């Protein structure tokens, strides 16, 4: 296991960490480990949640990458025409 030394923690932040630890019945050290673990996993968890949502939304779709790219280009061109007209 790794170790970290954190200096210059704001007094109010440390007081909140102590209060959270007390409410959870754990040590301040354990609360800080939990905070670090939650922060380390946050991006990964968000990615996998988004991936699951996208899989569900596209389940059964028979689109190819080329079709998706072509559709996006058409939508982009249509939007541009609405904004600036046919040049």
N, C-alpha and C. Protein backbone atom coordinates (compact mmCIF):
# COMPACT_ATOMS: atom_id res chain seq x y z
N UNK A 1 0.84 -1.19 0.00
CA UNK A 1 0.00 0.00 0.00
C UNK A 1 0.88 1.24 0.00
N UNK A 2 0.42 2.24 -0.72
CA UNK A 2 1.14 3.52 -0.80
C UNK A 2 0.78 4.39 0.40
N UNK A 3 1.60 5.41 0.61
CA UNK A 3 1.34 6.38 1.67
C UNK A 3 1.39 7.77 1.07
N UNK A 4 0.68 8.71 1.67
CA UNK A 4 0.71 10.10 1.23
C UNK A 4 0.66 11.00 2.46
N UNK A 5 1.38 12.08 2.38
CA UNK A 5 1.35 13.10 3.43
C UNK A 5 0.75 14.34 2.81
N UNK A 6 -0.33 14.83 3.40
CA UNK A 6 -1.01 16.01 2.87
C UNK A 6 -0.82 17.15 3.86
N UNK A 7 -0.24 18.23 3.37
CA UNK A 7 -0.01 19.40 4.21
C UNK A 7 -0.98 20.51 3.84
N UNK A 8 -1.16 21.45 4.75
CA UNK A 8 -1.94 22.67 4.53
C UNK A 8 -3.40 22.41 4.14
N UNK A 9 -4.02 21.48 4.84
CA UNK A 9 -5.45 21.24 4.65
C UNK A 9 -6.20 22.34 5.38
N UNK A 10 -7.16 22.93 4.73
CA UNK A 10 -7.96 23.99 5.35
C UNK A 10 -8.61 23.45 6.63
N UNK A 11 -8.60 24.25 7.69
CA UNK A 11 -9.16 23.82 8.97
C UNK A 11 -10.63 23.42 8.85
N UNK A 12 -11.39 24.17 8.09
CA UNK A 12 -12.82 23.85 7.92
C UNK A 12 -13.00 22.53 7.20
N UNK A 13 -12.17 22.28 6.20
CA UNK A 13 -12.25 21.00 5.46
C UNK A 13 -11.91 19.83 6.38
N UNK A 14 -10.87 20.02 7.20
CA UNK A 14 -10.47 18.94 8.11
C UNK A 14 -11.55 18.70 9.16
N UNK A 15 -12.19 19.77 9.61
CA UNK A 15 -13.27 19.62 10.59
C UNK A 15 -14.42 18.82 9.97
N UNK A 16 -14.70 19.08 8.69
CA UNK A 16 -15.77 18.33 8.01
C UNK A 16 -15.40 16.86 7.86
N UNK A 17 -14.14 16.58 7.53
CA UNK A 17 -13.68 15.18 7.43
C UNK A 17 -13.83 14.49 8.78
N UNK A 18 -13.44 15.18 9.86
CA UNK A 18 -13.58 14.59 11.21
C UNK A 18 -15.05 14.31 11.52
N UNK A 19 -15.92 15.25 11.17
CA UNK A 19 -17.36 15.08 11.43
C UNK A 19 -17.91 13.90 10.62
N UNK A 20 -17.51 13.79 9.37
CA UNK A 20 -17.96 12.67 8.53
C UNK A 20 -17.50 11.34 9.12
N UNK A 21 -16.25 11.30 9.54
CA UNK A 21 -15.71 10.07 10.14
C UNK A 21 -16.48 9.70 11.40
N UNK A 22 -16.77 10.69 12.23
CA UNK A 22 -17.52 10.43 13.47
C UNK A 22 -18.92 9.90 13.15
N UNK A 23 -19.59 10.51 12.17
CA UNK A 23 -20.94 10.06 11.80
C UNK A 23 -20.93 8.63 11.28
N UNK A 24 -19.85 8.26 10.60
CA UNK A 24 -19.75 6.92 10.03
C UNK A 24 -19.14 5.91 11.00
N UNK A 25 -18.66 6.40 12.14
CA UNK A 25 -18.06 5.52 13.13
C UNK A 25 -16.73 4.93 12.67
N UNK A 26 -15.97 5.71 11.91
CA UNK A 26 -14.67 5.27 11.42
C UNK A 26 -13.62 6.30 11.78
N UNK A 27 -12.37 5.93 11.61
CA UNK A 27 -11.28 6.87 11.91
C UNK A 27 -11.18 7.92 10.80
N UNK A 28 -10.54 9.03 11.15
CA UNK A 28 -10.27 10.07 10.15
C UNK A 28 -9.40 9.49 9.04
N UNK A 29 -8.43 8.68 9.42
CA UNK A 29 -7.56 8.06 8.43
C UNK A 29 -8.36 7.21 7.45
N UNK A 30 -9.31 6.42 7.96
CA UNK A 30 -10.14 5.60 7.08
C UNK A 30 -11.02 6.47 6.19
N UNK A 31 -11.56 7.55 6.75
CA UNK A 31 -12.39 8.46 5.95
C UNK A 31 -11.58 9.06 4.80
N UNK A 32 -10.35 9.45 5.09
CA UNK A 32 -9.49 10.00 4.05
C UNK A 32 -9.15 8.94 2.99
N UNK A 33 -8.93 7.70 3.41
CA UNK A 33 -8.71 6.63 2.43
C UNK A 33 -9.93 6.46 1.54
N UNK A 34 -11.11 6.52 2.15
CA UNK A 34 -12.35 6.40 1.38
C UNK A 34 -12.50 7.54 0.36
N UNK A 35 -12.18 8.76 0.79
CA UNK A 35 -12.27 9.93 -0.10
C UNK A 35 -11.33 9.75 -1.30
N UNK A 36 -10.10 9.31 -1.03
CA UNK A 36 -9.14 9.10 -2.11
C UNK A 36 -9.63 8.01 -3.06
N UNK A 37 -10.14 6.91 -2.52
CA UNK A 37 -10.62 5.82 -3.37
C UNK A 37 -11.81 6.27 -4.22
N UNK A 38 -12.73 7.01 -3.63
CA UNK A 38 -13.90 7.52 -4.38
C UNK A 38 -13.45 8.42 -5.52
N UNK A 39 -12.51 9.30 -5.24
CA UNK A 39 -12.01 10.22 -6.27
C UNK A 39 -11.29 9.46 -7.38
N UNK A 40 -10.53 8.45 -7.02
CA UNK A 40 -9.77 7.68 -8.00
C UNK A 40 -10.69 6.90 -8.93
N UNK A 41 -11.84 6.45 -8.43
CA UNK A 41 -12.77 5.66 -9.23
C UNK A 41 -13.81 6.49 -9.97
N UNK A 42 -13.96 7.76 -9.63
CA UNK A 42 -15.06 8.57 -10.16
C UNK A 42 -15.10 8.58 -11.68
N UNK A 43 -13.98 8.87 -12.34
CA UNK A 43 -13.97 8.92 -13.80
C UNK A 43 -14.26 7.56 -14.40
N UNK A 44 -13.69 6.53 -13.84
CA UNK A 44 -13.90 5.18 -14.35
C UNK A 44 -15.36 4.78 -14.22
N UNK A 45 -15.95 5.04 -13.07
CA UNK A 45 -17.36 4.70 -12.86
C UNK A 45 -18.26 5.46 -13.83
N UNK A 46 -17.97 6.74 -14.03
CA UNK A 46 -18.77 7.55 -14.95
C UNK A 46 -18.65 7.01 -16.37
N UNK A 47 -17.45 6.62 -16.77
CA UNK A 47 -17.25 6.06 -18.11
C UNK A 47 -18.08 4.80 -18.30
N UNK A 48 -18.01 3.88 -17.35
CA UNK A 48 -18.72 2.61 -17.51
C UNK A 48 -20.23 2.80 -17.45
N UNK A 49 -20.70 3.77 -16.69
CA UNK A 49 -22.13 4.07 -16.66
C UNK A 49 -22.58 4.61 -18.01
N UNK A 50 -21.78 5.52 -18.59
CA UNK A 50 -22.10 6.05 -19.91
C UNK A 50 -22.07 4.95 -20.96
N UNK A 51 -21.08 4.08 -20.89
CA UNK A 51 -20.99 2.97 -21.85
C UNK A 51 -22.22 2.07 -21.75
N UNK A 52 -22.67 1.77 -20.55
CA UNK A 52 -23.86 0.94 -20.38
C UNK A 52 -25.10 1.62 -20.94
N UNK A 53 -25.22 2.91 -20.71
CA UNK A 53 -26.35 3.68 -21.23
C UNK A 53 -26.34 3.66 -22.76
N UNK A 54 -25.17 3.86 -23.35
CA UNK A 54 -25.07 3.86 -24.81
C UNK A 54 -25.36 2.48 -25.39
N UNK A 55 -24.88 1.42 -24.74
CA UNK A 55 -25.18 0.06 -25.22
C UNK A 55 -26.68 -0.18 -25.22
N UNK A 56 -27.35 0.24 -24.16
CA UNK A 56 -28.80 0.03 -24.06
C UNK A 56 -29.53 0.85 -25.12
N UNK A 57 -29.08 2.08 -25.34
CA UNK A 57 -29.74 2.95 -26.31
C UNK A 57 -29.57 2.45 -27.74
N UNK A 58 -28.49 1.74 -28.02
CA UNK A 58 -28.23 1.28 -29.39
C UNK A 58 -28.47 -0.21 -29.57
N UNK A 59 -29.02 -0.86 -28.59
CA UNK A 59 -29.29 -2.30 -28.68
C UNK A 59 -30.20 -2.57 -29.88
N UNK A 60 -29.79 -3.47 -30.73
CA UNK A 60 -30.58 -3.84 -31.89
C UNK A 60 -30.40 -2.94 -33.10
N UNK A 61 -29.63 -1.87 -32.96
CA UNK A 61 -29.40 -0.97 -34.10
C UNK A 61 -28.48 -1.66 -35.10
N UNK A 62 -28.71 -1.39 -36.37
CA UNK A 62 -27.88 -2.02 -37.40
C UNK A 62 -27.16 -0.96 -38.22
N UNK A 63 -26.70 0.08 -37.55
CA UNK A 63 -25.97 1.15 -38.23
C UNK A 63 -24.49 0.82 -38.29
N UNK A 64 -23.86 1.23 -39.38
CA UNK A 64 -22.41 1.11 -39.49
C UNK A 64 -21.79 2.44 -39.08
N UNK A 65 -20.51 2.41 -38.82
CA UNK A 65 -19.80 3.64 -38.48
C UNK A 65 -19.93 4.65 -39.61
N UNK A 66 -19.81 4.17 -40.83
CA UNK A 66 -19.91 5.05 -41.99
C UNK A 66 -21.29 5.73 -42.04
N UNK A 67 -22.34 4.98 -41.74
CA UNK A 67 -23.69 5.56 -41.73
C UNK A 67 -23.82 6.63 -40.65
N UNK A 68 -23.26 6.36 -39.51
CA UNK A 68 -23.34 7.33 -38.41
C UNK A 68 -22.57 8.59 -38.77
N UNK A 69 -21.37 8.43 -39.33
CA UNK A 69 -20.59 9.59 -39.73
C UNK A 69 -21.29 10.38 -40.84
N UNK A 70 -21.87 9.68 -41.79
CA UNK A 70 -22.58 10.34 -42.88
C UNK A 70 -23.78 11.11 -42.34
N UNK A 71 -24.52 10.49 -41.43
CA UNK A 71 -25.67 11.17 -40.83
C UNK A 71 -25.23 12.43 -40.10
N UNK A 72 -24.17 12.36 -39.39
CA UNK A 72 -23.68 13.53 -38.65
C UNK A 72 -23.28 14.64 -39.61
N UNK A 73 -22.65 14.29 -40.71
CA UNK A 73 -22.24 15.29 -41.69
C UNK A 73 -23.48 15.97 -42.28
N UNK A 74 -24.51 15.19 -42.62
CA UNK A 74 -25.74 15.75 -43.16
C UNK A 74 -26.40 16.69 -42.16
N UNK A 75 -26.46 16.25 -40.92
CA UNK A 75 -27.06 17.10 -39.89
C UNK A 75 -26.28 18.40 -39.73
N UNK A 76 -24.96 18.30 -39.76
CA UNK A 76 -24.11 19.48 -39.64
C UNK A 76 -24.33 20.42 -40.83
N UNK A 77 -24.38 19.86 -42.05
CA UNK A 77 -24.61 20.67 -43.24
C UNK A 77 -25.99 21.34 -43.20
N UNK A 78 -27.01 20.60 -42.76
CA UNK A 78 -28.35 21.18 -42.64
C UNK A 78 -28.38 22.34 -41.66
N UNK A 79 -27.72 22.17 -40.54
CA UNK A 79 -27.65 23.23 -39.55
C UNK A 79 -26.95 24.45 -40.11
N UNK A 80 -25.83 24.21 -40.78
CA UNK A 80 -25.09 25.34 -41.38
C UNK A 80 -25.95 26.06 -42.40
N UNK A 81 -26.71 25.32 -43.20
CA UNK A 81 -27.58 25.96 -44.19
C UNK A 81 -28.65 26.80 -43.53
N UNK A 82 -29.20 26.30 -42.43
CA UNK A 82 -30.22 27.07 -41.71
C UNK A 82 -29.62 28.36 -41.15
N UNK A 83 -28.38 28.29 -40.72
CA UNK A 83 -27.75 29.47 -40.11
C UNK A 83 -27.26 30.46 -41.15
N UNK A 84 -26.51 29.96 -42.16
CA UNK A 84 -25.90 30.89 -43.10
C UNK A 84 -26.51 30.85 -44.50
N UNK A 85 -27.41 29.92 -44.75
CA UNK A 85 -28.02 29.81 -46.07
C UNK A 85 -27.11 29.13 -47.06
N UNK A 86 -27.56 29.00 -48.30
CA UNK A 86 -26.75 28.39 -49.36
C UNK A 86 -25.79 29.41 -49.92
N UNK A 87 -24.52 29.19 -49.76
CA UNK A 87 -23.52 30.13 -50.29
C UNK A 87 -23.00 29.65 -51.62
